[in-house]
Amino acid sequence: MVYQIKKLKILTEAVAKTIYTELRANFDRERLQDGNVILVIDDISREVKQYLISMKVQSLSKQDVLKLAGQFDETEDRAKVLRIVYEEFRREYSSRIP
């Protein structure tokens, strides 16, 4: 299982196709075909989420990850998840700054 963090809001199928092309360049074909790629993103429309599912790419919004982290009983586990998400989003945002 692999993931990629994106700061984008994906609201159209055209943007989703561009992201999918990038995923194909970043990850091997088998991972994509087996559905082992997860896209973590700021926001995504329901229609685009369905489009990506049809391409065997799962997506989680930042809010989904925060809800998931809230379900951990142990504070340390919750902190680990949130730290990873924070670091990955920070790195993605920093890479977009010229």
PDB file of N, CA and C in Angstrom:
ATOM      1  N   MET A   1       0.843  -1.163   0.000  1.00  0.00           N
ATOM      2  CA  MET A   1       0.000   0.000   0.000  1.00  0.00           C
ATOM      3  C   MET A   1       0.896   1.236   0.000  1.00  0.00           C
ATOM      4  N   VAL A   2       0.589   2.167  -0.855  1.00  0.00           N
ATOM      5  CA  VAL A   2       1.319   3.427  -0.906  1.00  0.00           C
ATOM      6  C   VAL A   2       0.310   4.567  -0.912  1.00  0.00           C
ATOM      7  N   TYR A   3       0.780   5.726  -0.583  1.00  0.00           N
ATOM      8  CA  TYR A   3      -0.105   6.885  -0.600  1.00  0.00           C
ATOM      9  C   TYR A   3       0.639   8.063  -1.183  1.00  0.00           C
ATOM     10  N   GLN A   4      -0.148   9.029  -1.622  1.00  0.00           N
ATOM     11  CA  GLN A   4       0.420  10.295  -2.077  1.00  0.00           C
ATOM     12  C   GLN A   4      -0.442  11.407  -1.506  1.00  0.00           C
ATOM     13  N   ILE A   5       0.193  12.407  -0.960  1.00  0.00           N
ATOM     14  CA  ILE A   5      -0.490  13.557  -0.376  1.00  0.00           C
ATOM     15  C   ILE A   5      -0.523  14.672  -1.407  1.00  0.00           C
ATOM     16  N   LYS A   6      -1.691  15.266  -1.592  1.00  0.00           N
ATOM     17  CA  LYS A   6      -1.832  16.404  -2.501  1.00  0.00           C
ATOM     18  C   LYS A   6      -2.587  17.500  -1.766  1.00  0.00           C
ATOM     19  N   LYS A   7      -2.197  18.730  -1.999  1.00  0.00           N
ATOM     20  CA  LYS A   7      -2.871  19.848  -1.342  1.00  0.00           C
ATOM     21  C   LYS A   7      -4.088  20.321  -2.119  1.00  0.00           C
ATOM     22  N   LEU A   8      -4.316  19.749  -3.255  1.00  0.00           N
ATOM     23  CA  LEU A   8      -5.354  20.212  -4.158  1.00  0.00           C
ATOM     24  C   LEU A   8      -6.765  19.908  -3.690  1.00  0.00           C
ATOM     25  N   LYS A   9      -7.683  20.609  -4.307  1.00  0.00           N
ATOM     26  CA  LYS A   9      -9.092  20.262  -4.235  1.00  0.00           C
ATOM     27  C   LYS A   9      -9.435  19.729  -5.617  1.00  0.00           C
ATOM     28  N   ILE A  10      -9.882  18.508  -5.681  1.00  0.00           N
ATOM     29  CA  ILE A  10     -10.216  17.910  -6.973  1.00  0.00           C
ATOM     30  C   ILE A  10     -11.730  17.944  -7.111  1.00  0.00           C
ATOM     31  N   LEU A  11     -12.191  18.776  -8.026  1.00  0.00           N
ATOM     32  CA  LEU A  11     -13.634  18.947  -8.191  1.00  0.00           C
ATOM     33  C   LEU A  11     -14.123  18.542  -9.577  1.00  0.00           C
ATOM     34  N   THR A  12     -13.194  18.305 -10.519  1.00  0.00           N
ATOM     35  CA  THR A  12     -13.608  17.940 -11.872  1.00  0.00           C
ATOM     36  C   THR A  12     -12.883  16.671 -12.319  1.00  0.00           C
ATOM     37  N   GLU A  13     -13.498  15.976 -13.252  1.00  0.00           N
ATOM     38  CA  GLU A  13     -12.900  14.758 -13.779  1.00  0.00           C
ATOM     39  C   GLU A  13     -11.620  15.063 -14.550  1.00  0.00           C
ATOM     40  N   ALA A  14     -11.552  16.212 -15.192  1.00  0.00           N
ATOM     41  CA  ALA A  14     -10.345  16.595 -15.937  1.00  0.00           C
ATOM     42  C   ALA A  14      -9.136  16.684 -15.009  1.00  0.00           C
ATOM     43  N   VAL A  15      -9.325  17.283 -13.843  1.00  0.00           N
ATOM     44  CA  VAL A  15      -8.232  17.380 -12.868  1.00  0.00           C
ATOM     45  C   VAL A  15      -7.889  15.987 -12.349  1.00  0.00           C
ATOM     46  N   ALA A  16      -8.908  15.157 -12.135  1.00  0.00           N
ATOM     47  CA  ALA A  16      -8.676  13.791 -11.658  1.00  0.00           C
ATOM     48  C   ALA A  16      -7.855  13.001 -12.669  1.00  0.00           C
ATOM     49  N   LYS A  17      -8.101  13.200 -13.953  1.00  0.00           N
ATOM     50  CA  LYS A  17      -7.331  12.511 -14.985  1.00  0.00           C
ATOM     51  C   LYS A  17      -5.863  12.933 -14.933  1.00  0.00           C
ATOM     52  N   THR A  18      -5.626  14.211 -14.701  1.00  0.00           N
ATOM     53  CA  THR A  18      -4.256  14.708 -14.578  1.00  0.00           C
ATOM     54  C   THR A  18      -3.562  14.066 -13.378  1.00  0.00           C
ATOM     55  N   ILE A  19      -4.266  14.003 -12.254  1.00  0.00           N
ATOM     56  CA  ILE A  19      -3.714  13.380 -11.044  1.00  0.00           C
ATOM     57  C   ILE A  19      -3.435  11.904 -11.300  1.00  0.00           C
ATOM     58  N   TYR A  20      -4.369  11.224 -11.977  1.00  0.00           N
ATOM     59  CA  TYR A  20      -4.182   9.802 -12.263  1.00  0.00           C
ATOM     60  C   TYR A  20      -2.941   9.588 -13.133  1.00  0.00           C
ATOM     61  N   THR A  21      -2.725  10.450 -14.096  1.00  0.00           N
ATOM     62  CA  THR A  21      -1.526  10.365 -14.943  1.00  0.00           C
ATOM     63  C   THR A  21      -0.269  10.505 -14.085  1.00  0.00           C
ATOM     64  N   GLU A  22      -0.303  11.430 -13.135  1.00  0.00           N
ATOM     65  CA  GLU A  22       0.836  11.607 -12.226  1.00  0.00           C
ATOM     66  C   GLU A  22       1.042  10.362 -11.368  1.00  0.00           C
ATOM     67  N   LEU A  23      -0.046   9.778 -10.883  1.00  0.00           N
ATOM     68  CA  LEU A  23       0.068   8.559 -10.078  1.00  0.00           C
ATOM     69  C   LEU A  23       0.686   7.426 -10.895  1.00  0.00           C
ATOM     70  N   ARG A  24       0.289   7.314 -12.156  1.00  0.00           N
ATOM     71  CA  ARG A  24       0.854   6.281 -13.031  1.00  0.00           C
ATOM     72  C   ARG A  24       2.355   6.487 -13.208  1.00  0.00           C
ATOM     73  N   ALA A  25       2.789   7.732 -13.231  1.00  0.00           N
ATOM     74  CA  ALA A  25       4.222   8.021 -13.372  1.00  0.00           C
ATOM     75  C   ALA A  25       4.977   7.721 -12.081  1.00  0.00           C
ATOM     76  N   ASN A  26       4.312   7.905 -10.935  1.00  0.00           N
ATOM     77  CA  ASN A  26       4.981   7.744  -9.639  1.00  0.00           C
ATOM     78  C   ASN A  26       4.960   6.323  -9.086  1.00  0.00           C
ATOM     79  N   PHE A  27       3.955   5.530  -9.469  1.00  0.00           N
ATOM     80  CA  PHE A  27       3.797   4.201  -8.889  1.00  0.00           C
ATOM     81  C   PHE A  27       3.707   3.155  -9.987  1.00  0.00           C
ATOM     82  N   ASP A  28       4.166   1.947  -9.678  1.00  0.00           N
ATOM     83  CA  ASP A  28       4.147   0.907 -10.697  1.00  0.00           C
ATOM     84  C   ASP A  28       2.721   0.471 -11.028  1.00  0.00           C
ATOM     85  N   ARG A  29       2.596  -0.093 -12.196  1.00  0.00           N
ATOM     86  CA  ARG A  29       1.293  -0.470 -12.744  1.00  0.00           C
ATOM     87  C   ARG A  29       0.550  -1.475 -11.855  1.00  0.00           C
ATOM     88  N   GLU A  30       1.289  -2.422 -11.282  1.00  0.00           N
ATOM     89  CA  GLU A  30       0.672  -3.440 -10.440  1.00  0.00           C
ATOM     90  C   GLU A  30      -0.009  -2.833  -9.223  1.00  0.00           C
ATOM     91  N   ARG A  31       0.638  -1.879  -8.598  1.00  0.00           N
ATOM     92  CA  ARG A  31       0.027  -1.243  -7.417  1.00  0.00           C
ATOM     93  C   ARG A  31      -1.279  -0.569  -7.786  1.00  0.00           C
ATOM     94  N   LEU A  32      -1.281   0.118  -8.918  1.00  0.00           N
ATOM     95  CA  LEU A  32      -2.508   0.778  -9.357  1.00  0.00           C
ATOM     96  C   LEU A  32      -3.585  -0.242  -9.694  1.00  0.00           C
ATOM     97  N   GLN A  33      -3.236  -1.278 -10.421  1.00  0.00           N
ATOM     98  CA  GLN A  33      -4.212  -2.280 -10.821  1.00  0.00           C
ATOM     99  C   GLN A  33      -4.766  -3.048  -9.627  1.00  0.00           C
ATOM    100  N   ASP A  34      -3.945  -3.238  -8.596  1.00  0.00           N
ATOM    101  CA  ASP A  34      -4.386  -3.964  -7.408  1.00  0.00           C
ATOM    102  C   ASP A  34      -5.142  -3.070  -6.424  1.00  0.00           C
ATOM    103  N   GLY A  35      -5.226  -1.782  -6.724  1.00  0.00           N
ATOM    104  CA  GLY A  35      -5.922  -0.863  -5.830  1.00  0.00           C
ATOM    105  C   GLY A  35      -5.143  -0.528  -4.577  1.00  0.00           C
ATOM    106  N   ASN A  36      -3.823  -0.549  -4.687  1.00  0.00           N
ATOM    107  CA  ASN A  36      -2.968  -0.304  -3.527  1.00  0.00           C
ATOM    108  C   ASN A  36      -2.416   1.112  -3.469  1.00  0.00           C
ATOM    109  N   VAL A  37      -3.119   2.062  -4.066  1.00  0.00           N
ATOM    110  CA  VAL A  37      -2.699   3.459  -4.021  1.00  0.00           C
ATOM    111  C   VAL A  37      -3.824   4.267  -3.384  1.00  0.00           C
ATOM    112  N   ILE A  38      -3.454   5.063  -2.399  1.00  0.00           N
ATOM    113  CA  ILE A  38      -4.417   5.936  -1.723  1.00  0.00           C
ATOM    114  C   ILE A  38      -3.962   7.374  -1.915  1.00  0.00           C
ATOM    115  N   LEU A  39      -4.884   8.210  -2.319  1.00  0.00           N
ATOM    116  CA  LEU A  39      -4.623   9.631  -2.499  1.00  0.00           C
ATOM    117  C   LEU A  39      -5.228  10.366  -1.309  1.00  0.00           C
ATOM    118  N   VAL A  40      -4.399  11.085  -0.565  1.00  0.00           N
ATOM    119  CA  VAL A  40      -4.869  11.897   0.555  1.00  0.00           C
ATOM    120  C   VAL A  40      -4.858  13.337   0.067  1.00  0.00           C
ATOM    121  N   ILE A  41      -5.993  13.997   0.161  1.00  0.00           N
ATOM    122  CA  ILE A  41      -6.176  15.281  -0.514  1.00  0.00           C
ATOM    123  C   ILE A  41      -6.966  16.235   0.373  1.00  0.00           C
ATOM    124  N   ASP A  42      -6.833  17.531   0.120  1.00  0.00           N
ATOM    125  CA  ASP A  42      -7.579  18.516   0.898  1.00  0.00           C
ATOM    126  C   ASP A  42      -9.084  18.293   0.781  1.00  0.00           C
ATOM    127  N   ASP A  43      -9.577  18.213  -0.440  1.00  0.00           N
ATOM    128  CA  ASP A  43     -11.016  18.084  -0.650  1.00  0.00           C
ATOM    129  C   ASP A  43     -11.261  17.443  -2.008  1.00  0.00           C
ATOM    130  N   ILE A  44     -12.340  16.671  -2.117  1.00  0.00           N
ATOM    131  CA  ILE A  44     -12.651  15.980  -3.354  1.00  0.00           C
ATOM    132  C   ILE A  44     -14.159  15.864  -3.495  1.00  0.00           C
ATOM    133  N   SER A  45     -14.659  16.083  -4.696  1.00  0.00           N
ATOM    134  CA  SER A  45     -16.098  15.961  -4.913  1.00  0.00           C
ATOM    135  C   SER A  45     -16.489  14.484  -4.943  1.00  0.00           C
ATOM    136  N   ARG A  46     -17.722  14.210  -4.649  1.00  0.00           N
ATOM    137  CA  ARG A  46     -18.221  12.834  -4.615  1.00  0.00           C
ATOM    138  C   ARG A  46     -18.082  12.160  -5.986  1.00  0.00           C
ATOM    139  N   GLU A  47     -18.381  12.917  -7.051  1.00  0.00           N
ATOM    140  CA  GLU A  47     -18.297  12.362  -8.399  1.00  0.00           C
ATOM    141  C   GLU A  47     -16.861  11.989  -8.756  1.00  0.00           C
ATOM    142  N   VAL A  48     -15.940  12.842  -8.411  1.00  0.00           N
ATOM    143  CA  VAL A  48     -14.532  12.591  -8.719  1.00  0.00           C
ATOM    144  C   VAL A  48     -14.026  11.423  -7.878  1.00  0.00           C
ATOM    145  N   LYS A  49     -14.468  11.334  -6.650  1.00  0.00           N
ATOM    146  CA  LYS A  49     -14.081  10.206  -5.794  1.00  0.00           C
ATOM    147  C   LYS A  49     -14.517   8.896  -6.450  1.00  0.00           C
ATOM    148  N   GLN A  50     -15.734   8.869  -6.991  1.00  0.00           N
ATOM    149  CA  GLN A  50     -16.237   7.678  -7.682  1.00  0.00           C
ATOM    150  C   GLN A  50     -15.414   7.386  -8.935  1.00  0.00           C
ATOM    151  N   TYR A  51     -15.046   8.427  -9.660  1.00  0.00           N
ATOM    152  CA  TYR A  51     -14.210   8.253 -10.859  1.00  0.00           C
ATOM    153  C   TYR A  51     -12.888   7.588 -10.470  1.00  0.00           C
ATOM    154  N   LEU A  52     -12.239   8.086  -9.418  1.00  0.00           N
ATOM    155  CA  LEU A  52     -10.965   7.518  -8.991  1.00  0.00           C
ATOM    156  C   LEU A  52     -11.141   6.077  -8.520  1.00  0.00           C
ATOM    157  N   ILE A  53     -12.230   5.780  -7.846  1.00  0.00           N
ATOM    158  CA  ILE A  53     -12.492   4.406  -7.416  1.00  0.00           C
ATOM    159  C   ILE A  53     -12.581   3.498  -8.641  1.00  0.00           C
ATOM    160  N   SER A  54     -13.223   3.983  -9.699  1.00  0.00           N
ATOM    161  CA  SER A  54     -13.314   3.178 -10.920  1.00  0.00           C
ATOM    162  C   SER A  54     -11.935   2.950 -11.541  1.00  0.00           C
ATOM    163  N   MET A  55     -10.990   3.825 -11.239  1.00  0.00           N
ATOM    164  CA  MET A  55      -9.607   3.678 -11.712  1.00  0.00           C
ATOM    165  C   MET A  55      -8.754   2.929 -10.674  1.00  0.00           C
ATOM    166  N   LYS A  56      -9.406   2.419  -9.626  1.00  0.00           N
ATOM    167  CA  LYS A  56      -8.776   1.649  -8.543  1.00  0.00           C
ATOM    168  C   LYS A  56      -7.855   2.481  -7.662  1.00  0.00           C
ATOM    169  N   VAL A  57      -8.181   3.753  -7.537  1.00  0.00           N
ATOM    170  CA  VAL A  57      -7.441   4.639  -6.637  1.00  0.00           C
ATOM    171  C   VAL A  57      -8.409   5.080  -5.543  1.00  0.00           C
ATOM    172  N   GLN A  58      -8.062   4.779  -4.310  1.00  0.00           N
ATOM    173  CA  GLN A  58      -8.867   5.216  -3.178  1.00  0.00           C
ATOM    174  C   GLN A  58      -8.449   6.632  -2.810  1.00  0.00           C
ATOM    175  N   SER A  59      -9.369   7.381  -2.252  1.00  0.00           N
ATOM    176  CA  SER A  59      -9.007   8.732  -1.829  1.00  0.00           C
ATOM    177  C   SER A  59      -9.585   9.001  -0.446  1.00  0.00           C
ATOM    178  N   LEU A  60      -8.836   9.746   0.308  1.00  0.00           N
ATOM    179  CA  LEU A  60      -9.246  10.199   1.626  1.00  0.00           C
ATOM    180  C   LEU A  60      -9.058  11.705   1.676  1.00  0.00           C
ATOM    181  N   SER A  61     -10.047  12.391   2.178  1.00  0.00           N
ATOM    182  CA  SER A  61      -9.875  13.824   2.366  1.00  0.00           C
ATOM    183  C   SER A  61      -9.139  14.046   3.685  1.00  0.00           C
ATOM    184  N   LYS A  62      -8.613  15.219   3.823  1.00  0.00           N
ATOM    185  CA  LYS A  62      -7.924  15.557   5.069  1.00  0.00           C
ATOM    186  C   LYS A  62      -8.879  15.378   6.252  1.00  0.00           C
ATOM    187  N   GLN A  63     -10.149  15.725   6.060  1.00  0.00           N
ATOM    188  CA  GLN A  63     -11.150  15.556   7.124  1.00  0.00           C
ATOM    189  C   GLN A  63     -11.347  14.082   7.473  1.00  0.00           C
ATOM    190  N   ASP A  64     -11.346  13.201   6.459  1.00  0.00           N
ATOM    191  CA  ASP A  64     -11.471  11.764   6.715  1.00  0.00           C
ATOM    192  C   ASP A  64     -10.342  11.264   7.607  1.00  0.00           C
ATOM    193  N   VAL A  65      -9.132  11.735   7.339  1.00  0.00           N
ATOM    194  CA  VAL A  65      -7.973  11.316   8.127  1.00  0.00           C
ATOM    195  C   VAL A  65      -8.092  11.825   9.557  1.00  0.00           C
ATOM    196  N   LEU A  66      -8.558  13.067   9.718  1.00  0.00           N
ATOM    197  CA  LEU A  66      -8.723  13.612  11.067  1.00  0.00           C
ATOM    198  C   LEU A  66      -9.776  12.833  11.853  1.00  0.00           C
ATOM    199  N   LYS A  67     -10.869  12.449  11.186  1.00  0.00           N
ATOM    200  CA  LYS A  67     -11.897  11.622  11.843  1.00  0.00           C
ATOM    201  C   LYS A  67     -11.325  10.273  12.250  1.00  0.00           C
ATOM    202  N   LEU A  68     -10.553   9.684  11.351  1.00  0.00           N
ATOM    203  CA  LEU A  68      -9.932   8.393  11.636  1.00  0.00           C
ATOM    204  C   LEU A  68      -8.999   8.493  12.842  1.00  0.00           C
ATOM    205  N   ALA A  69      -8.187   9.523  12.869  1.00  0.00           N
ATOM    206  CA  ALA A  69      -7.262   9.713  13.993  1.00  0.00           C
ATOM    207  C   ALA A  69      -8.026   9.883  15.300  1.00  0.00           C
ATOM    208  N   GLY A  70      -9.189  10.523  15.247  1.00  0.00           N
ATOM    209  CA  GLY A  70      -9.997  10.720  16.442  1.00  0.00           C
ATOM    210  C   GLY A  70     -10.533   9.425  17.029  1.00  0.00           C
ATOM    211  N   GLN A  71     -10.528   8.356  16.259  1.00  0.00           N
ATOM    212  CA  GLN A  71     -11.038   7.079  16.734  1.00  0.00           C
ATOM    213  C   GLN A  71     -10.007   6.262  17.510  1.00  0.00           C
ATOM    214  N   PHE A  72      -8.749   6.694  17.478  1.00  0.00           N
ATOM    215  CA  PHE A  72      -7.723   6.000  18.257  1.00  0.00           C
ATOM    216  C   PHE A  72      -7.907   6.311  19.732  1.00  0.00           C
ATOM    217  N   ASP A  73      -7.879   5.277  20.547  1.00  0.00           N
ATOM    218  CA  ASP A  73      -8.034   5.465  21.987  1.00  0.00           C
ATOM    219  C   ASP A  73      -6.784   6.053  22.625  1.00  0.00           C
ATOM    220  N   GLU A  74      -5.647   5.605  22.162  1.00  0.00           N
ATOM    221  CA  GLU A  74      -4.384   6.048  22.742  1.00  0.00           C
ATOM    222  C   GLU A  74      -3.969   7.393  22.160  1.00  0.00           C
ATOM    223  N   THR A  75      -3.691   8.335  23.024  1.00  0.00           N
ATOM    224  CA  THR A  75      -3.270   9.666  22.603  1.00  0.00           C
ATOM    225  C   THR A  75      -2.001   9.596  21.768  1.00  0.00           C
ATOM    226  N   GLU A  76      -1.087   8.714  22.146  1.00  0.00           N
ATOM    227  CA  GLU A  76       0.178   8.590  21.422  1.00  0.00           C
ATOM    228  C   GLU A  76      -0.064   8.121  19.980  1.00  0.00           C
ATOM    229  N   ASP A  77      -0.963   7.169  19.780  1.00  0.00           N
ATOM    230  CA  ASP A  77      -1.281   6.686  18.434  1.00  0.00           C
ATOM    231  C   ASP A  77      -1.921   7.787  17.601  1.00  0.00           C
ATOM    232  N   ARG A  78      -2.837   8.514  18.201  1.00  0.00           N
ATOM    233  CA  ARG A  78      -3.508   9.619  17.510  1.00  0.00           C
ATOM    234  C   ARG A  78      -2.485  10.677  17.106  1.00  0.00           C
ATOM    235  N   ALA A  79      -1.566  10.972  18.007  1.00  0.00           N
ATOM    236  CA  ALA A  79      -0.530  11.971  17.727  1.00  0.00           C
ATOM    237  C   ALA A  79       0.374  11.522  16.583  1.00  0.00           C
ATOM    238  N   LYS A  80       0.713  10.229  16.524  1.00  0.00           N
ATOM    239  CA  LYS A  80       1.550   9.717  15.436  1.00  0.00           C
ATOM    240  C   LYS A  80       0.871   9.913  14.085  1.00  0.00           C
ATOM    241  N   VAL A  81      -0.403   9.546  14.005  1.00  0.00           N
ATOM    242  CA  VAL A  81      -1.144   9.692  12.747  1.00  0.00           C
ATOM    243  C   VAL A  81      -1.194  11.154  12.339  1.00  0.00           C
ATOM    244  N   LEU A  82      -1.547  12.016  13.254  1.00  0.00           N
ATOM    245  CA  LEU A  82      -1.670  13.438  12.942  1.00  0.00           C
ATOM    246  C   LEU A  82      -0.320  14.052  12.583  1.00  0.00           C
ATOM    247  N   ARG A  83       0.749  13.599  13.232  1.00  0.00           N
ATOM    248  CA  ARG A  83       2.087  14.108  12.923  1.00  0.00           C
ATOM    249  C   ARG A  83       2.481  13.738  11.491  1.00  0.00           C
ATOM    250  N   ILE A  84       2.206  12.507  11.090  1.00  0.00           N
ATOM    251  CA  ILE A  84       2.530  12.077   9.731  1.00  0.00           C
ATOM    252  C   ILE A  84       1.745  12.891   8.713  1.00  0.00           C
ATOM    253  N   VAL A  85       0.456  13.053   8.956  1.00  0.00           N
ATOM    254  CA  VAL A  85      -0.383  13.823   8.032  1.00  0.00           C
ATOM    255  C   VAL A  85       0.103  15.266   7.967  1.00  0.00           C
ATOM    256  N   TYR A  86       0.387  15.853   9.112  1.00  0.00           N
ATOM    257  CA  TYR A  86       0.878  17.236   9.153  1.00  0.00           C
ATOM    258  C   TYR A  86       2.167  17.375   8.355  1.00  0.00           C
ATOM    259  N   GLU A  87       3.129  16.476   8.590  1.00  0.00           N
ATOM    260  CA  GLU A  87       4.422  16.556   7.907  1.00  0.00           C
ATOM    261  C   GLU A  87       4.271  16.390   6.400  1.00  0.00           C
ATOM    262  N   GLU A  88       3.432  15.465   5.985  1.00  0.00           N
ATOM    263  CA  GLU A  88       3.253  15.232   4.548  1.00  0.00           C
ATOM    264  C   GLU A  88       2.578  16.420   3.881  1.00  0.00           C
ATOM    265  N   PHE A  89       1.549  16.983   4.499  1.00  0.00           N
ATOM    266  CA  PHE A  89       0.898  18.154   3.922  1.00  0.00           C
ATOM    267  C   PHE A  89       1.838  19.356   3.932  1.00  0.00           C
ATOM    268  N   ARG A  90       2.628  19.499   4.993  1.00  0.00           N
ATOM    269  CA  ARG A  90       3.590  20.604   5.054  1.00  0.00           C
ATOM    270  C   ARG A  90       4.603  20.484   3.929  1.00  0.00           C
ATOM    271  N   ARG A  91       5.083  19.268   3.682  1.00  0.00           N
ATOM    272  CA  ARG A  91       6.047  19.051   2.612  1.00  0.00           C
ATOM    273  C   ARG A  91       5.410  19.343   1.245  1.00  0.00           C
ATOM    274  N   GLU A  92       4.169  18.921   1.050  1.00  0.00           N
ATOM    275  CA  GLU A  92       3.483  19.168  -0.215  1.00  0.00           C
ATOM    276  C   GLU A  92       3.282  20.662  -0.433  1.00  0.00           C
ATOM    277  N   TYR A  93       2.834  21.387   0.604  1.00  0.00           N
ATOM    278  CA  TYR A  93       2.646  22.829   0.471  1.00  0.00           C
ATOM    279  C   TYR A  93       3.972  23.549   0.221  1.00  0.00           C
ATOM    280  N   SER A  94       5.024  23.110   0.905  1.00  0.00           N
ATOM    281  CA  SER A  94       6.333  23.742   0.735  1.00  0.00           C
ATOM    282  C   SER A  94       6.884  23.535  -0.667  1.00  0.00           C
ATOM    283  N   SER A  95       6.598  22.393  -1.256  1.00  0.00           N
ATOM    284  CA  SER A  95       7.115  22.120  -2.601  1.00  0.00           C
ATOM    285  C   SER A  95       6.449  22.992  -3.652  1.00  0.00           C
ATOM    286  N   ARG A  96       5.307  23.580  -3.341  1.00  0.00           N
ATOM    287  CA  ARG A  96       4.594  24.429  -4.297  1.00  0.00           C
ATOM    288  C   ARG A  96       5.024  25.883  -4.236  1.00  0.00           C
ATOM    289  N   ILE A  97       5.822  26.218  -3.240  1.00  0.00           N
ATOM    290  CA  ILE A  97       6.282  27.603  -3.080  1.00  0.00           C
ATOM    291  C   ILE A  97       7.552  27.778  -3.902  1.00  0.00           C
ATOM    292  N   PRO A  98       7.568  28.724  -4.853  1.00  0.00           N
ATOM    293  CA  PRO A  98       8.774  28.896  -5.694  1.00  0.00           C
ATOM    294  C   PRO A  98       9.939  29.476  -4.949  1.00  0.00           C
TER     295      PRO A  98
END
